[in-house]
Amino acid sequence: MKFDEESNKVIGLAIEVHRELGPGLLENTYKQCLAHELSQTKINFQMEVELPVIYKNIRISCGYRIDLLIENKIIVELKSVDKILPIHEAQLLTYMKLANIKTGLLINFNEKILKNGIKRFVL
């Protein structure tokens, strides 16, 4: 699958979760439900992937975790907040740099219409 197909499929599944649940739940609820939807497809993914920081050639575990890593090519960072802030975007971009992943999706489920809460990033 190409990036656009993969990211579009993930977005479609996120929209399906949002249609079923609506806004207002905790982030972890959406993550578990999206993971369920992903598991029903042929898309390979990992959940809660540890992301260490390499500092002066030393691997340091700082507690960073990628919400969903799709096909080892797309980082999906999920939120359930009033508004996406620059710090949320910076978090995803930093994760992408640390993991050497070129594409990312930031999805805020706390929107009436989910498409208003989705941002794509490419390094």
PDB file of N, CA and C in Angstrom:
ATOM      1  N   MET A   1       0.828  -1.192   0.000  1.00  0.00           N
ATOM      2  CA  MET A   1       0.000   0.000   0.000  1.00  0.00           C
ATOM      3  C   MET A   1       0.868   1.250   0.000  1.00  0.00           C
ATOM      4  N   LYS A   2       0.501   2.242  -0.779  1.00  0.00           N
ATOM      5  CA  LYS A   2       1.217   3.500  -0.787  1.00  0.00           C
ATOM      6  C   LYS A   2       0.783   4.335   0.421  1.00  0.00           C
ATOM      7  N   PHE A   3       1.586   5.389   0.726  1.00  0.00           N
ATOM      8  CA  PHE A   3       1.296   6.235   1.879  1.00  0.00           C
ATOM      9  C   PHE A   3      -0.128   6.763   1.849  1.00  0.00           C
ATOM     10  N   ASP A   4      -0.539   7.321   0.716  1.00  0.00           N
ATOM     11  CA  ASP A   4      -1.881   7.907   0.664  1.00  0.00           C
ATOM     12  C   ASP A   4      -2.959   6.864   0.930  1.00  0.00           C
ATOM     13  N   GLU A   5      -2.779   5.673   0.380  1.00  0.00           N
ATOM     14  CA  GLU A   5      -3.748   4.613   0.632  1.00  0.00           C
ATOM     15  C   GLU A   5      -3.758   4.228   2.106  1.00  0.00           C
ATOM     16  N   GLU A   6      -2.563   4.073   2.677  1.00  0.00           N
ATOM     17  CA  GLU A   6      -2.467   3.685   4.089  1.00  0.00           C
ATOM     18  C   GLU A   6      -3.049   4.756   4.992  1.00  0.00           C
ATOM     19  N   SER A   7      -2.638   5.998   4.778  1.00  0.00           N
ATOM     20  CA  SER A   7      -3.134   7.063   5.654  1.00  0.00           C
ATOM     21  C   SER A   7      -4.631   7.269   5.467  1.00  0.00           C
ATOM     22  N   ASN A   8      -5.101   7.167   4.233  1.00  0.00           N
ATOM     23  CA  ASN A   8      -6.538   7.306   3.997  1.00  0.00           C
ATOM     24  C   ASN A   8      -7.326   6.186   4.657  1.00  0.00           C
ATOM     25  N   LYS A   9      -6.779   4.982   4.655  1.00  0.00           N
ATOM     26  CA  LYS A   9      -7.449   3.849   5.307  1.00  0.00           C
ATOM     27  C   LYS A   9      -7.522   4.083   6.824  1.00  0.00           C
ATOM     28  N   VAL A  10      -6.410   4.544   7.414  1.00  0.00           N
ATOM     29  CA  VAL A  10      -6.389   4.834   8.850  1.00  0.00           C
ATOM     30  C   VAL A  10      -7.396   5.932   9.180  1.00  0.00           C
ATOM     31  N   ILE A  11      -7.416   6.968   8.366  1.00  0.00           N
ATOM     32  CA  ILE A  11      -8.369   8.065   8.587  1.00  0.00           C
ATOM     33  C   ILE A  11      -9.803   7.545   8.486  1.00  0.00           C
ATOM     34  N   GLY A  12     -10.068   6.709   7.496  1.00  0.00           N
ATOM     35  CA  GLY A  12     -11.405   6.135   7.357  1.00  0.00           C
ATOM     36  C   GLY A  12     -11.811   5.313   8.569  1.00  0.00           C
ATOM     37  N   LEU A  13     -10.866   4.533   9.098  1.00  0.00           N
ATOM     38  CA  LEU A  13     -11.161   3.740  10.291  1.00  0.00           C
ATOM     39  C   LEU A  13     -11.376   4.632  11.512  1.00  0.00           C
ATOM     40  N   ALA A  14     -10.601   5.711  11.611  1.00  0.00           N
ATOM     41  CA  ALA A  14     -10.782   6.660  12.717  1.00  0.00           C
ATOM     42  C   ALA A  14     -12.163   7.312  12.628  1.00  0.00           C
ATOM     43  N   ILE A  15     -12.577   7.641  11.426  1.00  0.00           N
ATOM     44  CA  ILE A  15     -13.914   8.225  11.237  1.00  0.00           C
ATOM     45  C   ILE A  15     -14.991   7.227  11.651  1.00  0.00           C
ATOM     46  N   GLU A  16     -14.785   5.963  11.325  1.00  0.00           N
ATOM     47  CA  GLU A  16     -15.735   4.916  11.736  1.00  0.00           C
ATOM     48  C   GLU A  16     -15.845   4.851  13.261  1.00  0.00           C
ATOM     49  N   VAL A  17     -14.709   4.878  13.948  1.00  0.00           N
ATOM     50  CA  VAL A  17     -14.712   4.869  15.421  1.00  0.00           C
ATOM     51  C   VAL A  17     -15.457   6.093  15.941  1.00  0.00           C
ATOM     52  N   HIS A  18     -15.172   7.248  15.359  1.00  0.00           N
ATOM     53  CA  HIS A  18     -15.802   8.500  15.802  1.00  0.00           C
ATOM     54  C   HIS A  18     -17.311   8.470  15.558  1.00  0.00           C
ATOM     55  N   ARG A  19     -17.740   7.899  14.442  1.00  0.00           N
ATOM     56  CA  ARG A  19     -19.180   7.788  14.155  1.00  0.00           C
ATOM     57  C   ARG A  19     -19.888   6.947  15.212  1.00  0.00           C
ATOM     58  N   GLU A  20     -19.221   5.893  15.652  1.00  0.00           N
ATOM     59  CA  GLU A  20     -19.802   5.003  16.652  1.00  0.00           C
ATOM     60  C   GLU A  20     -19.823   5.625  18.051  1.00  0.00           C
ATOM     61  N   LEU A  21     -18.733   6.297  18.423  1.00  0.00           N
ATOM     62  CA  LEU A  21     -18.577   6.766  19.802  1.00  0.00           C
ATOM     63  C   LEU A  21     -18.860   8.244  20.007  1.00  0.00           C
ATOM     64  N   GLY A  22     -18.613   9.064  18.976  1.00  0.00           N
ATOM     65  CA  GLY A  22     -18.748  10.509  19.118  1.00  0.00           C
ATOM     66  C   GLY A  22     -17.615  11.079  19.939  1.00  0.00           C
ATOM     67  N   PRO A  23     -17.628  12.389  20.152  1.00  0.00           N
ATOM     68  CA  PRO A  23     -16.583  13.045  20.940  1.00  0.00           C
ATOM     69  C   PRO A  23     -16.844  12.892  22.440  1.00  0.00           C
ATOM     70  N   GLY A  24     -15.832  13.227  23.232  1.00  0.00           N
ATOM     71  CA  GLY A  24     -16.030  13.333  24.677  1.00  0.00           C
ATOM     72  C   GLY A  24     -15.483  12.207  25.523  1.00  0.00           C
ATOM     73  N   LEU A  25     -14.915  11.169  24.905  1.00  0.00           N
ATOM     74  CA  LEU A  25     -14.355  10.069  25.686  1.00  0.00           C
ATOM     75  C   LEU A  25     -12.849  10.267  25.862  1.00  0.00           C
ATOM     76  N   LEU A  26     -12.251   9.413  26.673  1.00  0.00           N
ATOM     77  CA  LEU A  26     -10.809   9.490  26.896  1.00  0.00           C
ATOM     78  C   LEU A  26     -10.049   8.977  25.679  1.00  0.00           C
ATOM     79  N   GLU A  27      -8.853   9.517  25.502  1.00  0.00           N
ATOM     80  CA  GLU A  27      -7.995   9.140  24.379  1.00  0.00           C
ATOM     81  C   GLU A  27      -7.803   7.631  24.282  1.00  0.00           C
ATOM     82  N   ASN A  28      -7.582   6.982  25.410  1.00  0.00           N
ATOM     83  CA  ASN A  28      -7.314   5.549  25.402  1.00  0.00           C
ATOM     84  C   ASN A  28      -8.482   4.741  24.833  1.00  0.00           C
ATOM     85  N   THR A  29      -9.699   5.203  25.048  1.00  0.00           N
ATOM     86  CA  THR A  29     -10.866   4.523  24.489  1.00  0.00           C
ATOM     87  C   THR A  29     -10.796   4.525  22.965  1.00  0.00           C
ATOM     88  N   TYR A  30     -10.504   5.684  22.393  1.00  0.00           N
ATOM     89  CA  TYR A  30     -10.402   5.785  20.933  1.00  0.00           C
ATOM     90  C   TYR A  30      -9.240   4.942  20.409  1.00  0.00           C
ATOM     91  N   LYS A  31      -8.133   4.935  21.146  1.00  0.00           N
ATOM     92  CA  LYS A  31      -6.967   4.167  20.725  1.00  0.00           C
ATOM     93  C   LYS A  31      -7.299   2.675  20.674  1.00  0.00           C
ATOM     94  N   GLN A  32      -7.959   2.173  21.712  1.00  0.00           N
ATOM     95  CA  GLN A  32      -8.312   0.755  21.752  1.00  0.00           C
ATOM     96  C   GLN A  32      -9.299   0.400  20.640  1.00  0.00           C
ATOM     97  N   CYS A  33     -10.261   1.272  20.396  1.00  0.00           N
ATOM     98  CA  CYS A  33     -11.257   1.008  19.353  1.00  0.00           C
ATOM     99  C   CYS A  33     -10.626   1.095  17.961  1.00  0.00           C
ATOM    100  N   LEU A  34      -9.740   2.056  17.742  1.00  0.00           N
ATOM    101  CA  LEU A  34      -9.053   2.155  16.457  1.00  0.00           C
ATOM    102  C   LEU A  34      -8.143   0.944  16.258  1.00  0.00           C
ATOM    103  N   ALA A  35      -7.487   0.487  17.312  1.00  0.00           N
ATOM    104  CA  ALA A  35      -6.664  -0.717  17.225  1.00  0.00           C
ATOM    105  C   ALA A  35      -7.526  -1.924  16.835  1.00  0.00           C
ATOM    106  N   HIS A  36      -8.716  -2.004  17.393  1.00  0.00           N
ATOM    107  CA  HIS A  36      -9.629  -3.085  17.023  1.00  0.00           C
ATOM    108  C   HIS A  36      -9.957  -3.025  15.536  1.00  0.00           C
ATOM    109  N   GLU A  37     -10.293  -1.827  15.054  1.00  0.00           N
ATOM    110  CA  GLU A  37     -10.610  -1.664  13.630  1.00  0.00           C
ATOM    111  C   GLU A  37      -9.406  -2.030  12.761  1.00  0.00           C
ATOM    112  N   LEU A  38      -8.216  -1.593  13.150  1.00  0.00           N
ATOM    113  CA  LEU A  38      -7.003  -1.915  12.392  1.00  0.00           C
ATOM    114  C   LEU A  38      -6.756  -3.420  12.363  1.00  0.00           C
ATOM    115  N   SER A  39      -7.032  -4.081  13.470  1.00  0.00           N
ATOM    116  CA  SER A  39      -6.803  -5.525  13.540  1.00  0.00           C
ATOM    117  C   SER A  39      -7.746  -6.289  12.606  1.00  0.00           C
ATOM    118  N   GLN A  40      -8.850  -5.672  12.221  1.00  0.00           N
ATOM    119  CA  GLN A  40      -9.797  -6.299  11.305  1.00  0.00           C
ATOM    120  C   GLN A  40      -9.388  -6.133   9.844  1.00  0.00           C
ATOM    121  N   THR A  41      -8.360  -5.322   9.593  1.00  0.00           N
ATOM    122  CA  THR A  41      -7.877  -5.077   8.229  1.00  0.00           C
ATOM    123  C   THR A  41      -6.557  -5.806   8.019  1.00  0.00           C
ATOM    124  N   LYS A  42      -5.972  -5.616   6.868  1.00  0.00           N
ATOM    125  CA  LYS A  42      -4.670  -6.210   6.576  1.00  0.00           C
ATOM    126  C   LYS A  42      -3.536  -5.223   6.840  1.00  0.00           C
ATOM    127  N   ILE A  43      -3.803  -4.165   7.568  1.00  0.00           N
ATOM    128  CA  ILE A  43      -2.787  -3.176   7.894  1.00  0.00           C
ATOM    129  C   ILE A  43      -2.033  -3.637   9.137  1.00  0.00           C
ATOM    130  N   ASN A  44      -0.718  -3.725   9.022  1.00  0.00           N
ATOM    131  CA  ASN A  44       0.109  -4.069  10.175  1.00  0.00           C
ATOM    132  C   ASN A  44       0.303  -2.831  11.040  1.00  0.00           C
ATOM    133  N   PHE A  45       0.190  -3.007  12.354  1.00  0.00           N
ATOM    134  CA  PHE A  45       0.376  -1.883  13.260  1.00  0.00           C
ATOM    135  C   PHE A  45       0.906  -2.383  14.597  1.00  0.00           C
ATOM    136  N   GLN A  46       1.492  -1.433  15.318  1.00  0.00           N
ATOM    137  CA  GLN A  46       1.922  -1.676  16.693  1.00  0.00           C
ATOM    138  C   GLN A  46       1.344  -0.559  17.541  1.00  0.00           C
ATOM    139  N   MET A  47       1.046  -0.896  18.789  1.00  0.00           N
ATOM    140  CA  MET A  47       0.461   0.072  19.704  1.00  0.00           C
ATOM    141  C   MET A  47       1.420   0.328  20.860  1.00  0.00           C
ATOM    142  N   GLU A  48       1.475   1.586  21.314  1.00  0.00           N
ATOM    143  CA  GLU A  48       2.293   1.964  22.472  1.00  0.00           C
ATOM    144  C   GLU A  48       3.768   1.560  22.285  1.00  0.00           C
ATOM    145  N   VAL A  49       4.326   1.949  21.162  1.00  0.00           N
ATOM    146  CA  VAL A  49       5.710   1.621  20.836  1.00  0.00           C
ATOM    147  C   VAL A  49       6.646   2.548  21.611  1.00  0.00           C
ATOM    148  N   GLU A  50       7.564   1.946  22.376  1.00  0.00           N
ATOM    149  CA  GLU A  50       8.526   2.744  23.128  1.00  0.00           C
ATOM    150  C   GLU A  50       9.424   3.512  22.170  1.00  0.00           C
ATOM    151  N   LEU A  51       9.694   4.763  22.510  1.00  0.00           N
ATOM    152  CA  LEU A  51      10.525   5.619  21.674  1.00  0.00           C
ATOM    153  C   LEU A  51      11.641   6.211  22.534  1.00  0.00           C
ATOM    154  N   PRO A  52      12.819   5.600  22.501  1.00  0.00           N
ATOM    155  CA  PRO A  52      13.921   6.128  23.310  1.00  0.00           C
ATOM    156  C   PRO A  52      14.548   7.358  22.657  1.00  0.00           C
ATOM    157  N   VAL A  53      15.303   8.085  23.448  1.00  0.00           N
ATOM    158  CA  VAL A  53      16.090   9.209  22.954  1.00  0.00           C
ATOM    159  C   VAL A  53      17.540   8.731  22.902  1.00  0.00           C
ATOM    160  N   ILE A  54      18.213   9.000  21.783  1.00  0.00           N
ATOM    161  CA  ILE A  54      19.635   8.683  21.677  1.00  0.00           C
ATOM    162  C   ILE A  54      20.402   9.971  21.968  1.00  0.00           C
ATOM    163  N   TYR A  55      21.124   9.962  23.066  1.00  0.00           N
ATOM    164  CA  TYR A  55      21.882  11.134  23.503  1.00  0.00           C
ATOM    165  C   TYR A  55      23.354  10.736  23.620  1.00  0.00           C
ATOM    166  N   LYS A  56      24.185  11.340  22.783  1.00  0.00           N
ATOM    167  CA  LYS A  56      25.621  11.039  22.772  1.00  0.00           C
ATOM    168  C   LYS A  56      25.860   9.531  22.710  1.00  0.00           C
ATOM    169  N   ASN A  57      25.173   8.905  21.755  1.00  0.00           N
ATOM    170  CA  ASN A  57      25.274   7.460  21.506  1.00  0.00           C
ATOM    171  C   ASN A  57      24.779   6.593  22.664  1.00  0.00           C
ATOM    172  N   ILE A  58      24.031   7.167  23.573  1.00  0.00           N
ATOM    173  CA  ILE A  58      23.452   6.409  24.686  1.00  0.00           C
ATOM    174  C   ILE A  58      21.939   6.385  24.505  1.00  0.00           C
ATOM    175  N   ARG A  59      21.377   5.207  24.588  1.00  0.00           N
ATOM    176  CA  ARG A  59      19.921   5.028  24.475  1.00  0.00           C
ATOM    177  C   ARG A  59      19.298   5.314  25.835  1.00  0.00           C
ATOM    178  N   ILE A  60      18.436   6.325  25.880  1.00  0.00           N
ATOM    179  CA  ILE A  60      17.801   6.735  27.130  1.00  0.00           C
ATOM    180  C   ILE A  60      16.293   6.543  27.004  1.00  0.00           C
ATOM    181  N   SER A  61      15.756   5.720  27.890  1.00  0.00           N
ATOM    182  CA  SER A  61      14.323   5.507  27.919  1.00  0.00           C
ATOM    183  C   SER A  61      13.696   6.618  28.751  1.00  0.00           C
ATOM    184  N   CYS A  62      12.895   7.445  28.077  1.00  0.00           N
ATOM    185  CA  CYS A  62      12.295   8.614  28.743  1.00  0.00           C
ATOM    186  C   CYS A  62      10.789   8.471  28.923  1.00  0.00           C
ATOM    187  N   GLY A  63      10.254   7.331  28.562  1.00  0.00           N
ATOM    188  CA  GLY A  63       8.815   7.131  28.720  1.00  0.00           C
ATOM    189  C   GLY A  63       7.994   7.572  27.523  1.00  0.00           C
ATOM    190  N   TYR A  64       8.638   7.985  26.433  1.00  0.00           N
ATOM    191  CA  TYR A  64       7.888   8.366  25.238  1.00  0.00           C
ATOM    192  C   TYR A  64       7.329   7.114  24.584  1.00  0.00           C
ATOM    193  N   ARG A  65       6.086   7.216  24.126  1.00  0.00           N
ATOM    194  CA  ARG A  65       5.441   6.087  23.457  1.00  0.00           C
ATOM    195  C   ARG A  65       4.640   6.602  22.260  1.00  0.00           C
ATOM    196  N   ILE A  66       4.798   5.896  21.152  1.00  0.00           N
ATOM    197  CA  ILE A  66       4.018   6.188  19.949  1.00  0.00           C
ATOM    198  C   ILE A  66       2.661   5.501  20.121  1.00  0.00           C
ATOM    199  N   ASP A  67       1.586   6.256  19.963  1.00  0.00           N
ATOM    200  CA  ASP A  67       0.253   5.665  20.119  1.00  0.00           C
ATOM    201  C   ASP A  67       0.067   4.495  19.164  1.00  0.00           C
ATOM    202  N   LEU A  68       0.209   4.755  17.873  1.00  0.00           N
ATOM    203  CA  LEU A  68       0.083   3.709  16.858  1.00  0.00           C
ATOM    204  C   LEU A  68       1.156   3.908  15.793  1.00  0.00           C
ATOM    205  N   LEU A  69       1.829   2.840  15.449  1.00  0.00           N
ATOM    206  CA  LEU A  69       2.805   2.849  14.369  1.00  0.00           C
ATOM    207  C   LEU A  69       2.251   1.937  13.282  1.00  0.00           C
ATOM    208  N   ILE A  70       1.946   2.522  12.129  1.00  0.00           N
ATOM    209  CA  ILE A  70       1.296   1.818  11.034  1.00  0.00           C
ATOM    210  C   ILE A  70       2.331   1.397   9.994  1.00  0.00           C
ATOM    211  N   GLU A  71       2.435   0.084   9.747  1.00  0.00           N
ATOM    212  CA  GLU A  71       3.317  -0.452   8.709  1.00  0.00           C
ATOM    213  C   GLU A  71       4.765   0.039   8.853  1.00  0.00           C
ATOM    214  N   ASN A  72       5.169   0.408  10.047  1.00  0.00           N
ATOM    215  CA  ASN A  72       6.503   0.978  10.302  1.00  0.00           C
ATOM    216  C   ASN A  72       6.788   2.207   9.455  1.00  0.00           C
ATOM    217  N   LYS A  73       5.698   2.890   9.003  1.00  0.00           N
ATOM    218  CA  LYS A  73       5.870   4.047   8.124  1.00  0.00           C
ATOM    219  C   LYS A  73       5.083   5.282   8.535  1.00  0.00           C
ATOM    220  N   ILE A  74       4.065   5.116   9.358  1.00  0.00           N
ATOM    221  CA  ILE A  74       3.213   6.250   9.737  1.00  0.00           C
ATOM    222  C   ILE A  74       3.023   6.227  11.247  1.00  0.00           C
ATOM    223  N   ILE A  75       3.307   7.362  11.872  1.00  0.00           N
ATOM    224  CA  ILE A  75       3.029   7.516  13.300  1.00  0.00           C
ATOM    225  C   ILE A  75       1.661   8.170  13.435  1.00  0.00           C
ATOM    226  N   VAL A  76       0.817   7.570  14.261  1.00  0.00           N
ATOM    227  CA  VAL A  76      -0.501   8.145  14.538  1.00  0.00           C
ATOM    228  C   VAL A  76      -0.513   8.557  16.008  1.00  0.00           C
ATOM    229  N   GLU A  77      -0.693   9.832  16.238  1.00  0.00           N
ATOM    230  CA  GLU A  77      -0.795  10.374  17.588  1.00  0.00           C
ATOM    231  C   GLU A  77      -2.248  10.773  17.808  1.00  0.00           C
ATOM    232  N   LEU A  78      -2.861  10.185  18.829  1.00  0.00           N
ATOM    233  CA  LEU A  78      -4.274  10.431  19.109  1.00  0.00           C
ATOM    234  C   LEU A  78      -4.435  11.387  20.269  1.00  0.00           C
ATOM    235  N   LYS A  79      -5.438  12.238  20.165  1.00  0.00           N
ATOM    236  CA  LYS A  79      -5.781  13.184  21.224  1.00  0.00           C
ATOM    237  C   LYS A  79      -7.289  13.194  21.417  1.00  0.00           C
ATOM    238  N   SER A  80      -7.700  13.637  22.586  1.00  0.00           N
ATOM    239  CA  SER A  80      -9.097  13.918  22.865  1.00  0.00           C
ATOM    240  C   SER A  80      -9.106  15.185  23.724  1.00  0.00           C
ATOM    241  N   VAL A  81      -8.864  16.313  23.052  1.00  0.00           N
ATOM    242  CA  VAL A  81      -8.685  17.597  23.729  1.00  0.00           C
ATOM    243  C   VAL A  81      -9.597  18.649  23.105  1.00  0.00           C
ATOM    244  N   ASP A  82      -9.769  19.766  23.818  1.00  0.00           N
ATOM    245  CA  ASP A  82     -10.613  20.843  23.303  1.00  0.00           C
ATOM    246  C   ASP A  82     -10.107  21.377  21.975  1.00  0.00           C
ATOM    247  N   LYS A  83      -8.775  21.498  21.875  1.00  0.00           N
ATOM    248  CA  LYS A  83      -8.185  22.107  20.690  1.00  0.00           C
ATOM    249  C   LYS A  83      -6.769  21.583  20.520  1.00  0.00           C
ATOM    250  N   ILE A  84      -6.391  21.285  19.293  1.00  0.00           N
ATOM    251  CA  ILE A  84      -5.001  20.919  19.014  1.00  0.00           C
ATOM    252  C   ILE A  84      -4.146  22.168  19.184  1.00  0.00           C
ATOM    253  N   LEU A  85      -3.115  22.032  19.992  1.00  0.00           N
ATOM    254  CA  LEU A  85      -2.192  23.135  20.268  1.00  0.00           C
ATOM    255  C   LEU A  85      -0.866  22.888  19.563  1.00  0.00           C
ATOM    256  N   PRO A  86      -0.065  23.929  19.414  1.00  0.00           N
ATOM    257  CA  PRO A  86       1.261  23.749  18.806  1.00  0.00           C
ATOM    258  C   PRO A  86       2.115  22.692  19.515  1.00  0.00           C
ATOM    259  N   ILE A  87       1.953  22.519  20.818  1.00  0.00           N
ATOM    260  CA  ILE A  87       2.726  21.512  21.541  1.00  0.00           C
ATOM    261  C   ILE A  87       2.367  20.101  21.073  1.00  0.00           C
ATOM    262  N   HIS A  88       1.118  19.864  20.688  1.00  0.00           N
ATOM    263  CA  HIS A  88       0.711  18.559  20.177  1.00  0.00           C
ATOM    264  C   HIS A  88       1.363  18.279  18.823  1.00  0.00           C
ATOM    265  N   GLU A  89       1.402  19.320  17.983  1.00  0.00           N
ATOM    266  CA  GLU A  89       2.060  19.187  16.688  1.00  0.00           C
ATOM    267  C   GLU A  89       3.557  18.956  16.879  1.00  0.00           C
ATOM    268  N   ALA A  90       4.169  19.697  17.804  1.00  0.00           N
ATOM    269  CA  ALA A  90       5.598  19.546  18.085  1.00  0.00           C
ATOM    270  C   ALA A  90       5.898  18.143  18.602  1.00  0.00           C
ATOM    271  N   GLN A  91       5.014  17.607  19.428  1.00  0.00           N
ATOM    272  CA  GLN A  91       5.191  16.252  19.949  1.00  0.00           C
ATOM    273  C   GLN A  91       5.247  15.247  18.804  1.00  0.00           C
ATOM    274  N   LEU A  92       4.292  15.312  17.898  1.00  0.00           N
ATOM    275  CA  LEU A  92       4.271  14.377  16.771  1.00  0.00           C
ATOM    276  C   LEU A  92       5.507  14.548  15.897  1.00  0.00           C
ATOM    277  N   LEU A  93       5.860  15.780  15.578  1.00  0.00           N
ATOM    278  CA  LEU A  93       7.039  16.019  14.740  1.00  0.00           C
ATOM    279  C   LEU A  93       8.308  15.506  15.403  1.00  0.00           C
ATOM    280  N   THR A  94       8.421  15.660  16.715  1.00  0.00           N
ATOM    281  CA  THR A  94       9.576  15.144  17.450  1.00  0.00           C
ATOM    282  C   THR A  94       9.602  13.622  17.408  1.00  0.00           C
ATOM    283  N   TYR A  95       8.459  12.992  17.623  1.00  0.00           N
ATOM    284  CA  TYR A  95       8.378  11.538  17.533  1.00  0.00           C
ATOM    285  C   TYR A  95       8.810  11.059  16.144  1.00  0.00           C
ATOM    286  N   MET A  96       8.357  11.757  15.118  1.00  0.00           N
ATOM    287  CA  MET A  96       8.716  11.391  13.753  1.00  0.00           C
ATOM    288  C   MET A  96      10.231  11.482  13.552  1.00  0.00           C
ATOM    289  N   LYS A  97      10.844  12.536  14.070  1.00  0.00           N
ATOM    290  CA  LYS A  97      12.301  12.695  13.934  1.00  0.00           C
ATOM    291  C   LYS A  97      13.047  11.629  14.718  1.00  0.00           C
ATOM    292  N   LEU A  98      12.628  11.386  15.960  1.00  0.00           N
ATOM    293  CA  LEU A  98      13.308  10.388  16.787  1.00  0.00           C
ATOM    294  C   LEU A  98      13.201   8.984  16.200  1.00  0.00           C
ATOM    295  N   ALA A  99      12.056   8.676  15.597  1.00  0.00           N
ATOM    296  CA  ALA A  99      11.825   7.345  15.045  1.00  0.00           C
ATOM    297  C   ALA A  99      12.270   7.228  13.584  1.00  0.00           C
ATOM    298  N   ASN A 100      12.682   8.345  12.997  1.00  0.00           N
ATOM    299  CA  ASN A 100      13.058   8.391  11.584  1.00  0.00           C
ATOM    300  C   ASN A 100      11.909   7.908  10.689  1.00  0.00           C
ATOM    301  N   ILE A 101      10.725   8.400  11.017  1.00  0.00           N
ATOM    302  CA  ILE A 101       9.506   8.110  10.253  1.00  0.00           C
ATOM    303  C   ILE A 101       9.104   9.413   9.566  1.00  0.00           C
ATOM    304  N   LYS A 102       8.841   9.339   8.289  1.00  0.00           N
ATOM    305  CA  LYS A 102       8.609  10.553   7.502  1.00  0.00           C
ATOM    306  C   LYS A 102       7.174  11.080   7.528  1.00  0.00           C
ATOM    307  N   THR A 103       6.222  10.258   7.929  1.00  0.00           N
ATOM    308  CA  THR A 103       4.831  10.694   7.873  1.00  0.00           C
ATOM    309  C   THR A 103       4.126  10.469   9.208  1.00  0.00           C
ATOM    310  N   GLY A 104       3.179  11.351   9.491  1.00  0.00           N
ATOM    311  CA  GLY A 104       2.436  11.244  10.737  1.00  0.00           C
ATOM    312  C   GLY A 104       1.027  11.794  10.601  1.00  0.00           C
ATOM    313  N   LEU A 105       0.163  11.270  11.445  1.00  0.00           N
ATOM    314  CA  LEU A 105      -1.214  11.758  11.543  1.00  0.00           C
ATOM    315  C   LEU A 105      -1.479  12.163  12.984  1.00  0.00           C
ATOM    316  N   LEU A 106      -2.028  13.344  13.155  1.00  0.00           N
ATOM    317  CA  LEU A 106      -2.467  13.826  14.461  1.00  0.00           C
ATOM    318  C   LEU A 106      -3.991  13.866  14.403  1.00  0.00           C
ATOM    319  N   ILE A 107      -4.626  13.065  15.258  1.00  0.00           N
ATOM    320  CA  ILE A 107      -6.082  12.932  15.214  1.00  0.00           C
ATOM    321  C   ILE A 107      -6.668  13.299  16.571  1.00  0.00           C
ATOM    322  N   ASN A 108      -7.503  14.339  16.573  1.00  0.00           N
ATOM    323  CA  ASN A 108      -8.194  14.770  17.786  1.00  0.00           C
ATOM    324  C   ASN A 108      -9.651  14.307  17.717  1.00  0.00           C
ATOM    325  N   PHE A 109      -9.997  13.335  18.540  1.00  0.00           N
ATOM    326  CA  PHE A 109     -11.344  12.774  18.529  1.00  0.00           C
ATOM    327  C   PHE A 109     -12.369  13.673  19.209  1.00  0.00           C
ATOM    328  N   ASN A 110     -11.946  14.731  19.860  1.00  0.00           N
ATOM    329  CA  ASN A 110     -12.885  15.605  20.563  1.00  0.00           C
ATOM    330  C   ASN A 110     -13.384  16.721  19.640  1.00  0.00           C
ATOM    331  N   GLU A 111     -13.888  16.322  18.489  1.00  0.00           N
ATOM    332  CA  GLU A 111     -14.467  17.236  17.497  1.00  0.00           C
ATOM    333  C   GLU A 111     -15.835  16.709  17.110  1.00  0.00           C
ATOM    334  N   LYS A 112     -16.757  17.618  16.795  1.00  0.00           N
ATOM    335  CA  LYS A 112     -18.070  17.172  16.319  1.00  0.00           C
ATOM    336  C   LYS A 112     -17.931  16.440  14.995  1.00  0.00           C
ATOM    337  N   ILE A 113     -17.106  16.976  14.103  1.00  0.00           N
ATOM    338  CA  ILE A 113     -16.817  16.358  12.814  1.00  0.00           C
ATOM    339  C   ILE A 113     -15.336  16.014  12.819  1.00  0.00           C
ATOM    340  N   LEU A 114     -15.009  14.724  12.770  1.00  0.00           N
ATOM    341  CA  LEU A 114     -13.625  14.291  12.966  1.00  0.00           C
ATOM    342  C   LEU A 114     -12.664  14.887  11.946  1.00  0.00           C
ATOM    343  N   LYS A 115     -13.106  15.079  10.697  1.00  0.00           N
ATOM    344  CA  LYS A 115     -12.180  15.602   9.687  1.00  0.00           C
ATOM    345  C   LYS A 115     -11.593  16.957  10.107  1.00  0.00           C
ATOM    346  N   ASN A 116     -12.289  17.680  10.964  1.00  0.00           N
ATOM    347  CA  ASN A 116     -11.760  18.957  11.486  1.00  0.00           C
ATOM    348  C   ASN A 116     -10.638  18.752  12.495  1.00  0.00           C
ATOM    349  N   GLY A 117     -10.478  17.535  12.973  1.00  0.00           N
ATOM    350  CA  GLY A 117      -9.467  17.243  13.980  1.00  0.00           C
ATOM    351  C   GLY A 117      -8.305  16.403  13.466  1.00  0.00           C
ATOM    352  N   ILE A 118      -8.159  16.333  12.133  1.00  0.00           N
ATOM    353  CA  ILE A 118      -7.099  15.509  11.550  1.00  0.00           C
ATOM    354  C   ILE A 118      -6.078  16.387  10.842  1.00  0.00           C
ATOM    355  N   LYS A 119      -4.797  16.147  11.160  1.00  0.00           N
ATOM    356  CA  LYS A 119      -3.710  16.855  10.469  1.00  0.00           C
ATOM    357  C   LYS A 119      -2.684  15.825  10.013  1.00  0.00           C
ATOM    358  N   ARG A 120      -2.219  15.981   8.774  1.00  0.00           N
ATOM    359  CA  ARG A 120      -1.156  15.125   8.229  1.00  0.00           C
ATOM    360  C   ARG A 120       0.148  15.899   8.249  1.00  0.00           C
ATOM    361  N   PHE A 121       1.219  15.187   8.543  1.00  0.00           N
ATOM    362  CA  PHE A 121       2.552  15.782   8.555  1.00  0.00           C
ATOM    363  C   PHE A 121       3.498  14.926   7.731  1.00  0.00           C
ATOM    364  N   VAL A 122       4.364  15.575   6.966  1.00  0.00           N
ATOM    365  CA  VAL A 122       5.387  14.885   6.188  1.00  0.00           C
ATOM    366  C   VAL A 122       6.696  15.620   6.411  1.00  0.00           C
ATOM    367  N   LEU A 123       7.741  14.856   6.788  1.00  0.00           N
ATOM    368  CA  LEU A 123       9.071  15.458   6.961  1.00  0.00           C
ATOM    369  C   LEU A 123       9.832  15.417   5.641  1.00  0.00           C
TER     370      LEU A 123
END
